[in-house]
Amino acid sequence: MLFHSLDFFLFFPFILAGHFSISNNQLRILFLMIVSYVFYMWNAPINAVYLIFSTLVTYLIGLRIPKAKFKKTYLIMGLFLNFGLLFFFKAYDPFFPFFKTLFPELPYHSFSLPLGLSFYTFQAVSYIVDIYRKDLVTEKNFFTFSLYHSFFPQLMAGPIERAKNLLPQLKEPQLLNYENFRRGALIFGFGLIKKLVIADRLAAVAEITLKGWQTNTSYAVIFSGYPVVFQYYFDFSAYSEIALGVALMMGIQLTRNFNSPFLATSPIDFWRRWHISLMTWLHDYVFMPIIELEFTFFNMMIATFAVFIFAGAWHGIGLTFVIWGMINGLFVILNMIYRKFAKRSKNKFLIPFKIIGTFHLFVISGFFLSYDNISIASTVFLKIFSFQTFHLRPIINLIPLYDQIILGVAVPLVMLGEILFFKINFWNFYTRLTPPLRWTIYTLMMLILILFSYSKARPYVYFKF
């Protein structure tokens, strides 16, 4: 079920009614678990099989680790089963031709990546590792744990929640809080605008601009990367904010997943702002274990490179994803070396140039996410550095004028809006507005969605990861 579907708008009031009206807490938890599965299974019931498998494995191993004599054995078992399931679906298509050469009679079966598998696998692994490290007490109630593992707002595309944050909130009975509901509804509406007005339109533009890779000049190639990067950002951040808004209407506070990454002044700064729940997960469960072996600058660089290879593999096992991770890892390592050995400038005049430079580093690495074919991705990447004649008019002419106008106005306005949305001062200002002014804002948001939503709604881009 998609958040921007009619099905969800009919289903969500039923969820809210049950969530706030069921007085027995165990029944409320069971109710939320059931509706989470209904939400997840709506378009592809088979997906529930893999979610149930991950839930059972993680729950049972979580119970055994505190009691076991050989705790590491259960830890390895939990990691193997969860990562093994993820690896199978990620690696099946890339590695099948290799196995076909070894076993010519091997039949091919088409397997679709289960929605949310990459997200809830990492959530499961963090739960097991935290119990092993004694950072978390095992959740003994199966239905409560199952709700944590399947909570519908963030199940299919994050944020990747830690049990320490989400479990206590799910276990606590919630009362309808008007302020939370109003704020959540506004964030939800803002996320819908980002998705339907901007991201889906950018997806269509990206398809147009990427097709011309053979004839584009180097500058046109870079320009073709802009709609791709903005589409990924607006689509993924839209899902995260819609999830945050839906959960907040229910009284649950999820982790904020983006913090204006295109205002970052360096690669290090960028990756502290982009997909925050994944990068903090990789910091805690990949970076820190390597650093703890020996705390040296060289080891920090090795750990950083490992984090980004892991980040690339999280998106996909194909070579393009790994190279994308390696390129971004190299940018961050160079940034680390610069910070250690060079004197950092405090000249504020340089900030806009740092922002533009950081943005373009992400754009040029993004071609390895845009093209599945490593040969095409490499050709496009190298073409950037040919510095051919500055000639953008042909590629701009391919984009419909109507879309150029809407995107030209909406993208900067929405990026400014998201900065305001997550500032405390904005909410203090907003609560002081009179009801007519607040309803004017709601009406304007609804009109924007009705008048300017792109005609072809698309699935969220991170569903494919």
Protein backbone atom coordinates (compact mmCIF):
# COMPACT_ATOMS: atom_id res chain seq x y z
CA MET A 1 0.00 0.00 0.00
CA LEU A 2 1.35 3.40 -0.94
CA PHE A 3 0.97 6.44 1.29
CA HIS A 4 -0.31 8.51 -1.63
CA SER A 5 -3.00 5.98 -2.63
CA LEU A 6 -6.73 6.19 -2.00
CA ASP A 7 -6.47 2.85 -0.20
CA PHE A 8 -4.26 4.40 2.46
CA PHE A 9 -6.49 7.45 2.94
CA LEU A 10 -9.40 5.09 3.62
CA PHE A 11 -7.35 2.71 5.77
CA PHE A 12 -5.51 5.20 7.98
CA PRO A 13 -8.58 6.56 9.86
CA PHE A 14 -9.39 2.96 10.81
CA ILE A 15 -5.83 2.54 12.15
CA LEU A 16 -6.05 5.76 14.15
CA ALA A 17 -9.43 4.81 15.58
CA GLY A 18 -8.16 1.45 16.79
CA HIS A 19 -4.85 2.82 18.03
CA PHE A 20 -6.44 5.47 20.24
CA SER A 21 -9.65 3.67 21.29
CA ILE A 22 -8.44 0.18 22.30
CA SER A 23 -7.89 0.45 26.04
CA ASN A 24 -6.17 -2.92 26.55
CA ASN A 25 -2.53 -2.32 25.68
CA GLN A 26 -1.79 -5.87 24.52
CA LEU A 27 -4.81 -5.79 22.22
CA ARG A 28 -3.70 -2.40 20.90
CA ILE A 29 -0.23 -3.80 20.11
CA LEU A 30 -1.77 -6.85 18.42
CA PHE A 31 -4.08 -4.58 16.42
CA LEU A 32 -1.17 -2.42 15.21
CA MET A 33 0.82 -5.51 14.28
CA ILE A 34 -2.06 -6.88 12.20
CA VAL A 35 -2.72 -3.61 10.37
CA SER A 36 1.02 -3.26 9.72
CA TYR A 37 0.99 -6.65 8.00
CA VAL A 38 -2.15 -5.74 6.05
CA PHE A 39 -0.45 -2.52 4.90
CA TYR A 40 2.68 -4.46 3.90
CA MET A 41 0.88 -7.32 2.15
CA TRP A 42 -1.62 -5.12 0.28
CA ASN A 43 -0.02 -5.39 -3.17
CA ALA A 44 2.29 -8.40 -2.71
CA PRO A 45 1.21 -10.89 -0.01
CA ILE A 46 4.28 -13.10 -0.63
CA ASN A 47 6.45 -10.39 0.97
CA ALA A 48 5.04 -11.32 4.37
CA VAL A 49 6.76 -14.73 4.20
CA TYR A 50 10.23 -13.14 4.32
CA LEU A 51 9.22 -10.62 6.98
CA ILE A 52 7.85 -13.42 9.18
CA PHE A 53 11.06 -15.43 8.69
CA SER A 54 13.21 -12.45 9.72
CA THR A 55 10.91 -11.74 12.68
CA LEU A 56 11.00 -15.31 14.00
CA VAL A 57 14.78 -15.67 13.56
CA THR A 58 15.54 -12.35 15.22
CA TYR A 59 13.06 -12.83 18.07
CA LEU A 60 14.23 -16.37 18.94
CA ILE A 61 17.92 -15.51 18.77
CA GLY A 62 17.27 -12.40 20.84
CA LEU A 63 15.77 -14.68 23.51
CA ARG A 64 18.67 -17.15 23.41
CA ILE A 65 21.68 -14.79 23.49
CA PRO A 66 21.37 -13.63 27.16
CA LYS A 67 20.98 -17.25 28.37
CA ALA A 68 23.47 -18.96 26.08
CA LYS A 69 26.91 -20.12 27.16
CA PHE A 70 28.32 -19.49 23.69
CA LYS A 71 26.65 -16.16 22.92
CA LYS A 72 28.78 -15.48 19.85
CA THR A 73 27.46 -18.63 18.18
CA TYR A 74 23.91 -17.28 18.32
CA LEU A 75 25.10 -13.84 17.23
CA ILE A 76 26.78 -15.31 14.13
CA MET A 77 23.69 -17.44 13.43
CA GLY A 78 21.44 -14.38 13.59
CA LEU A 79 23.74 -12.35 11.33
CA PHE A 80 24.09 -15.23 8.86
CA LEU A 81 20.35 -15.89 8.54
CA ASN A 82 19.35 -12.23 8.23
CA PHE A 83 22.18 -11.15 5.94
CA GLY A 84 21.92 -14.44 4.04
CA LEU A 85 18.31 -13.72 3.10
CA LEU A 86 19.25 -10.20 2.01
CA PHE A 87 22.30 -11.41 0.08
CA PHE A 88 20.27 -14.03 -1.79
CA PHE A 89 17.84 -11.48 -3.19
CA LYS A 90 20.53 -8.86 -3.86
CA ALA A 91 23.00 -11.25 -5.49
CA TYR A 92 20.74 -13.66 -7.38
CA ASP A 93 20.55 -11.75 -10.66
CA PRO A 94 24.19 -10.47 -10.74
CA PHE A 95 25.66 -13.91 -9.94
CA PHE A 96 23.25 -16.17 -11.84
CA PRO A 97 25.23 -16.03 -15.15
CA PHE A 98 28.34 -17.24 -13.27
CA PHE A 99 26.52 -20.23 -11.78
CA LYS A 100 24.91 -20.91 -15.16
CA THR A 101 28.37 -21.46 -16.66
CA LEU A 102 29.13 -24.01 -13.92
CA PHE A 103 25.72 -25.69 -14.10
CA PRO A 104 24.31 -25.27 -17.65
CA GLU A 105 21.07 -27.06 -16.78
CA LEU A 106 20.32 -24.69 -13.89
CA PRO A 107 16.91 -23.08 -14.53
CA TYR A 108 16.41 -19.35 -14.02
CA HIS A 109 13.72 -18.17 -11.62
CA SER A 110 12.72 -14.54 -11.36
CA PHE A 111 12.82 -13.20 -7.79
CA SER A 112 11.67 -9.70 -6.93
CA LEU A 113 13.38 -8.00 -4.01
CA PRO A 114 10.84 -8.01 -1.14
CA LEU A 115 9.81 -4.47 -0.24
CA GLY A 116 11.74 -3.11 2.71
CA LEU A 117 14.06 -6.13 3.05
CA SER A 118 17.21 -3.99 3.15
CA PHE A 119 15.67 -1.78 5.84
CA TYR A 120 14.18 -4.38 8.19
CA THR A 121 17.26 -6.63 7.87
CA PHE A 122 19.45 -3.85 9.25
CA GLN A 123 16.87 -3.20 11.95
CA ALA A 124 16.97 -6.90 12.89
CA VAL A 125 20.77 -7.01 12.95
CA SER A 126 21.01 -3.93 15.19
CA TYR A 127 18.57 -5.58 17.62
CA ILE A 128 20.65 -8.78 17.82
CA VAL A 129 23.99 -6.97 18.13
CA ASP A 130 22.66 -4.60 20.81
CA ILE A 131 21.48 -7.56 22.89
CA TYR A 132 24.85 -9.28 22.42
CA ARG A 133 26.64 -6.09 23.53
CA LYS A 134 24.26 -5.81 26.53
CA ASP A 135 23.10 -2.43 25.28
CA LEU A 136 19.52 -3.65 25.05
CA VAL A 137 17.21 -5.84 27.13
CA THR A 138 15.52 -8.62 25.14
CA GLU A 139 11.86 -8.04 24.29
CA LYS A 140 10.12 -11.20 25.52
CA ASN A 141 6.64 -10.44 24.18
CA PHE A 142 6.48 -11.80 20.63
CA PHE A 143 3.70 -9.50 19.45
CA THR A 144 5.47 -6.40 20.77
CA PHE A 145 8.69 -7.41 19.04
CA SER A 146 6.81 -8.28 15.86
CA LEU A 147 5.22 -4.81 15.87
CA TYR A 148 8.64 -3.20 16.25
CA HIS A 149 9.90 -5.22 13.29
CA SER A 150 6.88 -4.49 11.08
CA PHE A 151 5.68 -1.02 12.16
CA PHE A 152 4.07 0.12 8.92
CA PRO A 153 5.11 3.81 8.57
CA GLN A 154 8.82 2.99 8.31
CA LEU A 155 8.74 -0.66 7.24
CA MET A 156 9.26 -0.37 3.48
CA ALA A 157 11.76 2.49 3.15
CA GLY A 158 12.92 3.48 6.60
CA PRO A 159 14.10 5.21 8.58
CA ILE A 160 16.02 2.26 10.06
CA GLU A 161 14.91 2.45 13.67
CA ARG A 162 16.78 1.16 16.71
CA ALA A 163 14.88 -0.85 19.27
CA LYS A 164 16.02 1.53 22.02
CA ASN A 165 14.11 4.35 20.34
CA LEU A 166 11.05 2.65 18.90
CA LEU A 167 10.17 -0.23 21.23
CA PRO A 168 9.46 1.88 24.37
CA GLN A 169 7.18 4.17 22.34
CA LEU A 170 5.23 1.26 20.85
CA LYS A 171 4.77 -0.33 24.28
CA GLU A 172 3.49 2.89 25.83
CA PRO A 173 -0.29 3.52 25.44
CA GLN A 174 -0.83 6.65 23.38
CA LEU A 175 -3.46 9.32 23.83
CA LEU A 176 -4.54 11.54 20.97
CA ASN A 177 -2.43 14.68 21.20
CA TYR A 178 -3.79 17.52 19.08
CA GLU A 179 -0.41 19.24 18.75
CA ASN A 180 1.33 16.03 17.60
CA PHE A 181 -1.53 15.26 15.22
CA ARG A 182 -1.51 18.74 13.69
CA ARG A 183 2.25 18.79 13.31
CA GLY A 184 2.30 15.24 11.90
CA ALA A 185 -0.43 16.05 9.39
CA LEU A 186 1.49 19.11 8.18
CA ILE A 187 4.72 17.10 7.74
CA PHE A 188 2.70 14.38 5.99
CA GLY A 189 1.23 16.93 3.57
CA PHE A 190 4.63 18.49 2.97
CA GLY A 191 6.04 15.04 2.14
CA LEU A 192 3.19 14.41 -0.31
CA ILE A 193 4.01 17.66 -2.13
CA LYS A 194 7.67 16.64 -2.37
CA LYS A 195 6.68 13.25 -3.79
CA LEU A 196 3.77 14.03 -6.13
CA VAL A 197 4.62 17.53 -7.33
CA ILE A 198 8.41 17.32 -7.50
CA ALA A 199 9.90 13.80 -7.25
CA ASP A 200 7.61 12.08 -9.76
CA ARG A 201 8.07 14.96 -12.22
CA LEU A 202 11.85 14.81 -11.75
CA ALA A 203 11.77 11.06 -12.45
CA ALA A 204 10.28 11.73 -15.87
CA VAL A 205 12.83 14.48 -16.54
CA ALA A 206 15.70 12.21 -15.42
CA GLU A 207 14.61 9.51 -17.88
CA ILE A 208 14.78 12.08 -20.68
CA THR A 209 18.18 13.54 -19.75
CA LEU A 210 19.90 10.20 -19.07
CA LYS A 211 18.96 8.78 -22.47
CA GLY A 212 21.23 11.26 -24.27
CA TRP A 213 24.48 10.06 -22.69
CA GLN A 214 26.03 9.16 -26.07
CA THR A 215 25.60 12.61 -27.63
CA ASN A 216 25.79 14.86 -24.54
CA THR A 217 28.84 17.07 -24.04
CA SER A 218 30.66 16.86 -20.70
CA TYR A 219 28.67 19.79 -19.30
CA ALA A 220 25.41 18.31 -20.56
CA VAL A 221 26.32 15.03 -18.87
CA ILE A 222 26.74 16.83 -15.54
CA PHE A 223 23.47 18.67 -16.13
CA SER A 224 21.73 15.33 -16.80
CA GLY A 225 22.78 14.23 -13.32
CA TYR A 226 20.95 17.10 -11.59
CA PRO A 227 17.39 15.74 -12.03
CA VAL A 228 18.61 12.27 -10.98
CA VAL A 229 20.14 13.50 -7.73
CA PHE A 230 17.20 15.77 -6.94
CA GLN A 231 14.75 12.98 -7.76
CA TYR A 232 16.50 10.58 -5.35
CA TYR A 233 16.54 13.24 -2.67
CA PHE A 234 12.97 14.49 -3.00
CA ASP A 235 11.53 11.00 -3.41
CA PHE A 236 13.40 9.36 -0.54
CA SER A 237 13.12 12.32 1.84
CA ALA A 238 9.42 12.53 0.95
CA TYR A 239 8.88 8.94 2.08
CA SER A 240 10.86 9.58 5.27
CA GLU A 241 8.84 12.69 6.09
CA ILE A 242 5.51 11.05 5.25
CA ALA A 243 6.49 8.17 7.55
CA LEU A 244 7.53 10.64 10.24
CA GLY A 245 4.24 12.53 9.87
CA VAL A 246 2.07 9.38 9.96
CA ALA A 247 3.86 8.10 13.06
CA LEU A 248 3.69 11.48 14.77
CA MET A 249 -0.09 11.61 14.26
CA MET A 250 -0.10 8.33 16.20
CA GLY A 251 2.10 9.81 18.93
CA ILE A 252 5.29 8.00 17.79
CA GLN A 253 8.51 9.94 17.11
CA LEU A 254 10.65 8.44 14.35
CA THR A 255 14.24 9.36 13.50
CA ARG A 256 14.71 12.23 11.09
CA ASN A 257 16.44 10.78 8.02
CA PHE A 258 17.59 13.92 6.16
CA ASN A 259 18.91 17.27 7.28
CA SER A 260 19.22 19.53 4.21
CA PRO A 261 22.15 17.58 2.68
CA PHE A 262 22.49 19.94 -0.28
CA LEU A 263 23.60 22.66 2.14
CA ALA A 264 26.58 20.52 3.22
CA THR A 265 29.96 22.21 2.90
CA SER A 266 32.07 19.04 2.64
CA PRO A 267 31.67 15.30 1.92
CA ILE A 268 31.92 14.55 5.66
CA ASP A 269 29.18 17.08 6.35
CA PHE A 270 27.06 15.68 3.50
CA TRP A 271 27.06 12.13 4.84
CA ARG A 272 26.02 13.35 8.27
CA ARG A 273 22.91 14.81 6.63
CA TRP A 274 21.97 12.17 4.00
CA HIS A 275 20.14 8.94 4.96
CA ILE A 276 21.03 9.57 8.57
CA SER A 277 19.59 6.31 9.93
CA LEU A 278 21.71 4.20 7.55
CA MET A 279 24.91 6.18 8.10
CA THR A 280 24.58 6.09 11.91
CA TRP A 281 23.91 2.33 11.64
CA LEU A 282 27.09 1.88 9.59
CA HIS A 283 29.00 4.07 12.04
CA ASP A 284 27.90 2.00 15.05
CA TYR A 285 28.13 -1.51 13.55
CA VAL A 286 30.90 -1.23 10.92
CA PHE A 287 33.06 1.83 11.63
CA MET A 288 33.34 1.55 15.42
CA PRO A 289 34.23 -2.19 15.58
CA ILE A 290 37.14 -1.53 13.19
CA ILE A 291 38.27 1.56 15.10
CA GLU A 292 38.18 -0.33 18.40
CA LEU A 293 40.84 -2.71 17.07
CA GLU A 294 43.36 0.13 16.94
CA PHE A 295 42.59 3.84 17.18
CA THR A 296 44.85 5.37 14.52
CA PHE A 297 44.22 7.77 11.66
CA PHE A 298 45.10 5.07 9.13
CA ASN A 299 42.59 2.71 10.74
CA MET A 300 39.97 5.46 10.60
CA MET A 301 40.50 5.72 6.85
CA ILE A 302 40.21 1.94 6.46
CA ALA A 303 37.01 1.94 8.55
CA THR A 304 35.58 4.81 6.49
CA PHE A 305 36.29 3.01 3.23
CA ALA A 306 34.66 -0.14 4.62
CA VAL A 307 31.57 1.87 5.59
CA PHE A 308 31.10 3.16 2.07
CA ILE A 309 31.70 -0.20 0.40
CA PHE A 310 29.04 -1.55 2.77
CA ALA A 311 26.76 1.40 1.87
CA GLY A 312 27.21 0.62 -1.82
CA ALA A 313 26.49 -3.08 -1.28
CA TRP A 314 23.38 -2.15 0.75
CA HIS A 315 22.01 -0.51 -2.41
CA GLY A 316 22.94 -3.53 -4.53
CA ILE A 317 25.61 -6.20 -5.05
CA GLY A 318 26.33 -5.09 -8.64
CA LEU A 319 29.69 -3.53 -9.49
CA THR A 320 28.14 -0.11 -10.16
CA PHE A 321 26.90 0.11 -6.56
CA VAL A 322 30.24 -0.93 -5.10
CA ILE A 323 32.08 1.64 -7.25
CA TRP A 324 29.57 4.30 -6.19
CA GLY A 325 30.38 3.48 -2.56
CA MET A 326 34.13 3.49 -3.21
CA ILE A 327 34.02 6.89 -4.95
CA ASN A 328 32.10 8.48 -2.09
CA GLY A 329 34.39 6.76 0.43
CA LEU A 330 37.40 8.23 -1.38
CA PHE A 331 35.87 11.72 -1.29
CA VAL A 332 35.32 11.44 2.48
CA ILE A 333 38.84 10.07 3.08
CA LEU A 334 40.37 12.96 1.10
CA ASN A 335 38.23 15.30 3.20
CA MET A 336 39.57 13.63 6.37
CA ILE A 337 43.19 14.04 5.18
CA TYR A 338 42.57 17.69 4.35
CA ARG A 339 41.09 18.34 7.79
CA LYS A 340 44.02 16.65 9.52
CA PHE A 341 46.91 18.23 7.63
CA ALA A 342 45.60 21.50 6.19
CA LYS A 343 44.51 24.62 7.99
CA ARG A 344 40.75 24.99 7.58
CA SER A 345 39.56 28.34 6.31
CA LYS A 346 36.92 30.16 8.34
CA ASN A 347 36.15 32.58 5.52
CA LYS A 348 32.36 32.65 5.21
CA PHE A 349 32.69 33.94 1.66
CA LEU A 350 33.84 30.43 0.65
CA ILE A 351 30.75 28.67 2.03
CA PRO A 352 28.64 28.90 -1.20
CA PHE A 353 31.57 27.49 -3.22
CA LYS A 354 31.99 24.64 -0.73
CA ILE A 355 28.28 23.84 -0.98
CA ILE A 356 28.37 23.84 -4.80
CA GLY A 357 31.53 21.71 -4.86
CA THR A 358 30.14 19.15 -2.41
CA PHE A 359 26.90 18.91 -4.38
CA HIS A 360 28.76 18.23 -7.63
CA LEU A 361 30.88 15.49 -6.05
CA PHE A 362 27.64 13.69 -5.19
CA VAL A 363 26.25 14.32 -8.70
CA ILE A 364 29.21 12.78 -10.51
CA SER A 365 29.27 9.71 -8.25
CA GLY A 366 25.52 9.32 -8.79
CA PHE A 367 25.93 8.11 -12.37
CA PHE A 368 26.93 4.72 -10.97
CA LEU A 369 23.49 4.52 -9.33
CA SER A 370 21.75 5.77 -12.48
CA TYR A 371 23.11 3.19 -14.93
CA ASP A 372 23.01 -0.54 -14.20
CA ASN A 373 25.53 -1.24 -16.96
CA ILE A 374 29.09 -0.73 -15.70
CA SER A 375 30.37 0.06 -19.20
CA ILE A 376 27.83 2.85 -19.74
CA ALA A 377 28.29 4.22 -16.22
CA SER A 378 32.09 4.32 -16.65
CA THR A 379 31.82 5.97 -20.08
CA VAL A 380 29.49 8.66 -18.73
CA PHE A 381 31.69 9.19 -15.67
CA LEU A 382 34.84 9.65 -17.78
CA LYS A 383 33.00 11.87 -20.25
CA ILE A 384 32.54 14.44 -17.46
CA PHE A 385 36.28 15.13 -17.54
CA SER A 386 36.53 15.64 -21.32
CA PHE A 387 35.57 19.33 -20.87
CA GLN A 388 33.84 19.66 -24.21
CA THR A 389 32.03 22.75 -25.48
CA PHE A 390 29.53 24.24 -23.07
CA HIS A 391 26.29 23.34 -24.85
CA LEU A 392 23.15 22.73 -22.77
CA ARG A 393 20.35 24.03 -24.98
CA PRO A 394 19.59 20.68 -26.73
CA ILE A 395 19.16 18.81 -23.44
CA ILE A 396 17.10 21.61 -21.85
CA ASN A 397 14.82 21.68 -24.91
CA LEU A 398 13.94 18.03 -24.24
CA ILE A 399 12.28 19.01 -20.93
CA PRO A 400 8.69 20.28 -21.30
CA LEU A 401 8.46 24.01 -20.52
CA TYR A 402 5.62 23.42 -18.04
CA ASP A 403 7.82 21.04 -16.04
CA GLN A 404 10.75 23.48 -16.23
CA ILE A 405 8.61 26.24 -14.70
CA ILE A 406 7.09 24.09 -11.94
CA LEU A 407 10.44 22.56 -10.96
CA GLY A 408 12.20 25.93 -11.18
CA VAL A 409 9.74 27.40 -8.68
CA ALA A 410 8.96 24.37 -6.50
CA VAL A 411 12.44 22.95 -5.87
CA PRO A 412 13.96 26.04 -4.17
CA LEU A 413 10.72 26.84 -2.32
CA VAL A 414 10.37 23.32 -0.92
CA MET A 415 14.04 23.16 0.05
CA LEU A 416 13.57 26.41 1.95
CA GLY A 417 10.36 25.05 3.47
CA GLU A 418 12.01 21.90 4.79
CA ILE A 419 14.64 23.99 6.56
CA LEU A 420 11.86 25.91 8.31
CA PHE A 421 9.76 22.81 9.05
CA PHE A 422 12.35 21.31 11.35
CA LYS A 423 13.20 24.47 13.25
CA ILE A 424 11.66 24.90 16.71
CA ASN A 425 11.14 28.60 16.04
CA PHE A 426 8.92 27.77 13.07
CA TRP A 427 6.61 25.63 15.18
CA ASN A 428 6.48 28.28 17.89
CA PHE A 429 5.51 30.78 15.18
CA TYR A 430 3.02 28.35 13.61
CA THR A 431 1.16 27.65 16.87
CA ARG A 432 0.63 31.40 17.32
CA LEU A 433 -1.17 31.70 13.98
CA THR A 434 -4.90 32.21 14.10
CA PRO A 435 -7.10 29.28 12.94
CA PRO A 436 -8.08 31.07 9.68
CA LEU A 437 -4.40 31.50 8.76
CA ARG A 438 -3.60 27.86 9.57
CA TRP A 439 -6.54 26.66 7.48
CA THR A 440 -5.34 28.90 4.66
CA ILE A 441 -2.03 26.99 4.75
CA TYR A 442 -3.85 23.63 4.71
CA THR A 443 -6.03 24.76 1.80
CA LEU A 444 -3.02 25.97 -0.18
CA MET A 445 -1.24 22.64 0.33
CA MET A 446 -4.33 20.76 -0.88
CA LEU A 447 -4.65 23.03 -3.93
CA ILE A 448 -0.97 22.51 -4.79
CA LEU A 449 -1.46 18.74 -4.63
CA ILE A 450 -4.63 18.88 -6.74
CA LEU A 451 -3.36 21.31 -9.38
CA PHE A 452 0.31 20.43 -9.75
CA SER A 453 0.71 16.71 -8.92
CA TYR A 454 2.41 14.88 -11.77
CA SER A 455 -0.06 12.85 -13.84
CA LYS A 456 1.89 9.57 -13.58
CA ALA A 457 2.39 8.61 -9.94
CA ARG A 458 5.37 6.32 -9.39
CA PRO A 459 6.53 3.94 -6.64
CA TYR A 460 9.10 5.33 -4.22
CA VAL A 461 12.57 5.11 -5.75
CA TYR A 462 14.14 3.42 -2.72
CA PHE A 463 11.71 0.49 -2.98
CA LYS A 464 14.18 -1.00 -5.49
CA PHE A 465 16.91 -1.06 -2.85
